[in-house]
Amino acid sequence: MAAPSWDDSQTINVRDLDGQHRMLATLIRDLHDVMRYARSLETISGVFDEVVEYTKYHFAAEERLMRDTDFPGYLLHKAIHDDVKTRLVELRDRFERGGRPAISVAVFQFLRDWLVSHIEVEDQEIADYLNGRATPPKRPIWVH
């Protein structure tokens, strides 16, 4: 399964968030590479931890921006963040308990699909609001 990558079509024209999205794509690609080629569980776990921690950092930055600008979809967007953080931590924990081969595909499918949806759907709503092109928040695909 191919690692997610960043391209300019994913730009939402909110400079800080675009930079963070690029970093997330890079970290996810790094995780893909170390899971595929590294032999050390310690190395893989270290990069997985970076993905989890940077995701938390990114979500905190987005949530701060949404609160500061009175974004009307804040509570729904935060609920999505909370769900993603929980699922990501669960995947990392399952991986570290010994599910390396089985969990690798699930990790990348989740991260790839989430990153694309996160940018193109949920974060585009924030950008539209900030740029005066607000539309009602869409039903997120990550709330189950």
Protein backbone atom coordinates (compact mmCIF):
# COMPACT_ATOMS: atom_id res chain seq x y z
CA MET A 1 0.00 0.00 0.00
CA ALA A 2 1.43 3.36 -1.02
CA ALA A 3 2.20 5.97 1.61
CA PRO A 4 0.18 9.16 1.56
CA SER A 5 1.83 12.10 -0.11
CA TRP A 6 1.26 15.83 -0.23
CA ASP A 7 0.53 17.78 -3.33
CA ASP A 8 -0.49 21.38 -3.87
CA SER A 9 -4.10 20.43 -4.62
CA GLN A 10 -4.46 19.79 -0.89
CA THR A 11 -3.63 23.39 -0.01
CA ILE A 12 -6.47 25.09 1.87
CA ASN A 13 -4.79 28.53 1.88
CA VAL A 14 -4.39 28.76 5.65
CA ARG A 15 -0.62 28.99 5.90
CA ASP A 16 -0.09 27.43 9.33
CA LEU A 17 -2.47 24.56 8.68
CA ASP A 18 -1.02 23.89 5.23
CA GLY A 19 2.45 23.64 6.74
CA GLN A 20 1.20 21.27 9.42
CA HIS A 21 -0.58 19.14 6.83
CA ARG A 22 2.66 18.85 4.84
CA MET A 23 4.45 17.77 8.02
CA LEU A 24 1.76 15.19 8.79
CA ALA A 25 2.10 13.74 5.29
CA THR A 26 5.88 13.59 5.74
CA LEU A 27 5.63 11.87 9.13
CA ILE A 28 3.10 9.36 7.82
CA ARG A 29 5.37 8.62 4.85
CA ASP A 30 8.31 8.21 7.28
CA LEU A 31 6.25 5.77 9.34
CA HIS A 32 5.39 3.85 6.18
CA ASP A 33 9.08 3.63 5.29
CA VAL A 34 10.28 2.48 8.71
CA MET A 35 7.49 -0.07 9.02
CA ARG A 36 8.39 -1.41 5.62
CA TYR A 37 12.19 -1.43 5.95
CA ALA A 38 13.25 -1.13 9.60
CA ARG A 39 13.94 -4.22 11.60
CA SER A 40 13.83 -2.55 14.99
CA LEU A 41 10.51 -2.34 16.77
CA GLU A 42 12.03 0.50 18.81
CA THR A 43 12.69 2.55 15.65
CA ILE A 44 9.19 1.96 14.34
CA SER A 45 7.63 2.79 17.71
CA GLY A 46 9.61 6.02 17.88
CA VAL A 47 8.31 7.21 14.50
CA PHE A 48 4.78 6.05 15.33
CA ASP A 49 4.98 8.13 18.53
CA GLU A 50 6.03 11.15 16.43
CA VAL A 51 2.96 10.74 14.23
CA VAL A 52 0.68 10.52 17.27
CA GLU A 53 2.26 13.50 19.04
CA TYR A 54 2.35 15.71 15.94
CA THR A 55 -1.28 14.85 15.21
CA LYS A 56 -2.18 15.98 18.74
CA TYR A 57 -0.18 19.19 18.23
CA HIS A 58 -1.90 19.87 14.90
CA PHE A 59 -5.35 19.26 16.34
CA ALA A 60 -4.65 21.59 19.27
CA ALA A 61 -3.57 24.32 16.82
CA GLU A 62 -6.70 23.84 14.72
CA GLU A 63 -8.94 23.85 17.76
CA ARG A 64 -7.33 27.07 19.01
CA LEU A 65 -7.88 28.67 15.59
CA MET A 66 -11.51 27.54 15.51
CA ARG A 67 -12.18 28.91 19.01
CA ASP A 68 -10.38 32.18 18.29
CA THR A 69 -12.46 32.77 15.15
CA ASP A 70 -15.79 31.49 16.52
CA PHE A 71 -15.95 28.76 13.88
CA PRO A 72 -19.54 27.42 14.07
CA GLY A 73 -18.49 23.80 13.43
CA TYR A 74 -16.01 23.74 16.32
CA LEU A 75 -17.74 21.13 18.49
CA LEU A 76 -18.28 18.74 15.60
CA HIS A 77 -14.71 19.21 14.34
CA LYS A 78 -13.30 18.68 17.84
CA ALA A 79 -15.34 15.47 18.18
CA ILE A 80 -13.75 14.24 14.96
CA HIS A 81 -10.30 15.10 16.34
CA ASP A 82 -11.04 13.23 19.57
CA ASP A 83 -12.16 10.17 17.61
CA VAL A 84 -9.07 10.21 15.38
CA LYS A 85 -6.72 10.61 18.37
CA THR A 86 -8.38 7.68 20.14
CA ARG A 87 -8.21 5.46 17.06
CA LEU A 88 -4.60 6.41 16.35
CA VAL A 89 -3.50 5.66 19.92
CA GLU A 90 -5.37 2.33 19.79
CA LEU A 91 -3.60 1.39 16.54
CA ARG A 92 -0.21 2.33 17.99
CA ASP A 93 -0.89 0.33 21.15
CA ARG A 94 -2.02 -2.73 19.16
CA PHE A 95 1.11 -2.45 17.03
CA GLU A 96 3.36 -2.28 20.08
CA ARG A 97 1.64 -5.32 21.64
CA GLY A 98 2.85 -7.42 18.75
CA GLY A 99 0.47 -6.97 15.87
CA ARG A 100 3.14 -5.62 13.51
CA PRO A 101 2.33 -7.40 10.24
CA ALA A 102 -1.44 -7.42 10.70
CA ILE A 103 -1.70 -3.83 11.88
CA SER A 104 0.53 -2.24 9.24
CA VAL A 105 -2.12 -2.32 6.52
CA ALA A 106 -4.79 -1.01 8.90
CA VAL A 107 -2.50 1.82 10.02
CA PHE A 108 -1.78 3.03 6.51
CA GLN A 109 -5.31 2.66 5.25
CA PHE A 110 -6.59 4.65 8.24
CA LEU A 111 -3.88 7.34 8.05
CA ARG A 112 -4.12 7.78 4.28
CA ASP A 113 -7.91 7.97 4.24
CA TRP A 114 -8.03 10.18 7.31
CA LEU A 115 -5.43 12.64 6.03
CA VAL A 116 -7.24 13.14 2.72
CA SER A 117 -10.65 13.53 4.38
CA HIS A 118 -9.25 15.76 7.10
CA ILE A 119 -7.79 18.21 4.61
CA GLU A 120 -10.28 18.08 1.75
CA VAL A 121 -13.49 18.01 3.80
CA GLU A 122 -13.12 19.08 7.40
CA ASP A 123 -10.29 21.59 7.16
CA GLN A 124 -11.63 23.04 3.92
CA GLU A 125 -14.70 24.04 5.93
CA ILE A 126 -12.47 26.03 8.30
CA ALA A 127 -10.71 27.67 5.35
CA ASP A 128 -14.03 28.54 3.70
CA TYR A 129 -15.25 30.10 6.94
CA LEU A 130 -12.04 32.10 7.42
CA ASN A 131 -12.16 33.29 3.81
CA GLY A 132 -15.86 34.26 3.95
CA ARG A 133 -17.07 31.35 1.83
CA ALA A 134 -18.74 29.50 4.68
CA THR A 135 -21.13 26.68 4.02
CA PRO A 136 -22.90 24.60 6.68
CA PRO A 137 -20.59 21.88 8.06
CA LYS A 138 -20.89 18.59 6.18
CA ARG A 139 -21.55 15.34 7.96
CA PRO A 140 -18.06 14.09 8.75
CA ILE A 141 -17.06 10.63 7.63
CA TRP A 142 -15.01 9.98 10.79
CA VAL A 143 -17.84 10.12 13.33
CA HIS A 144 -19.18 6.63 13.88
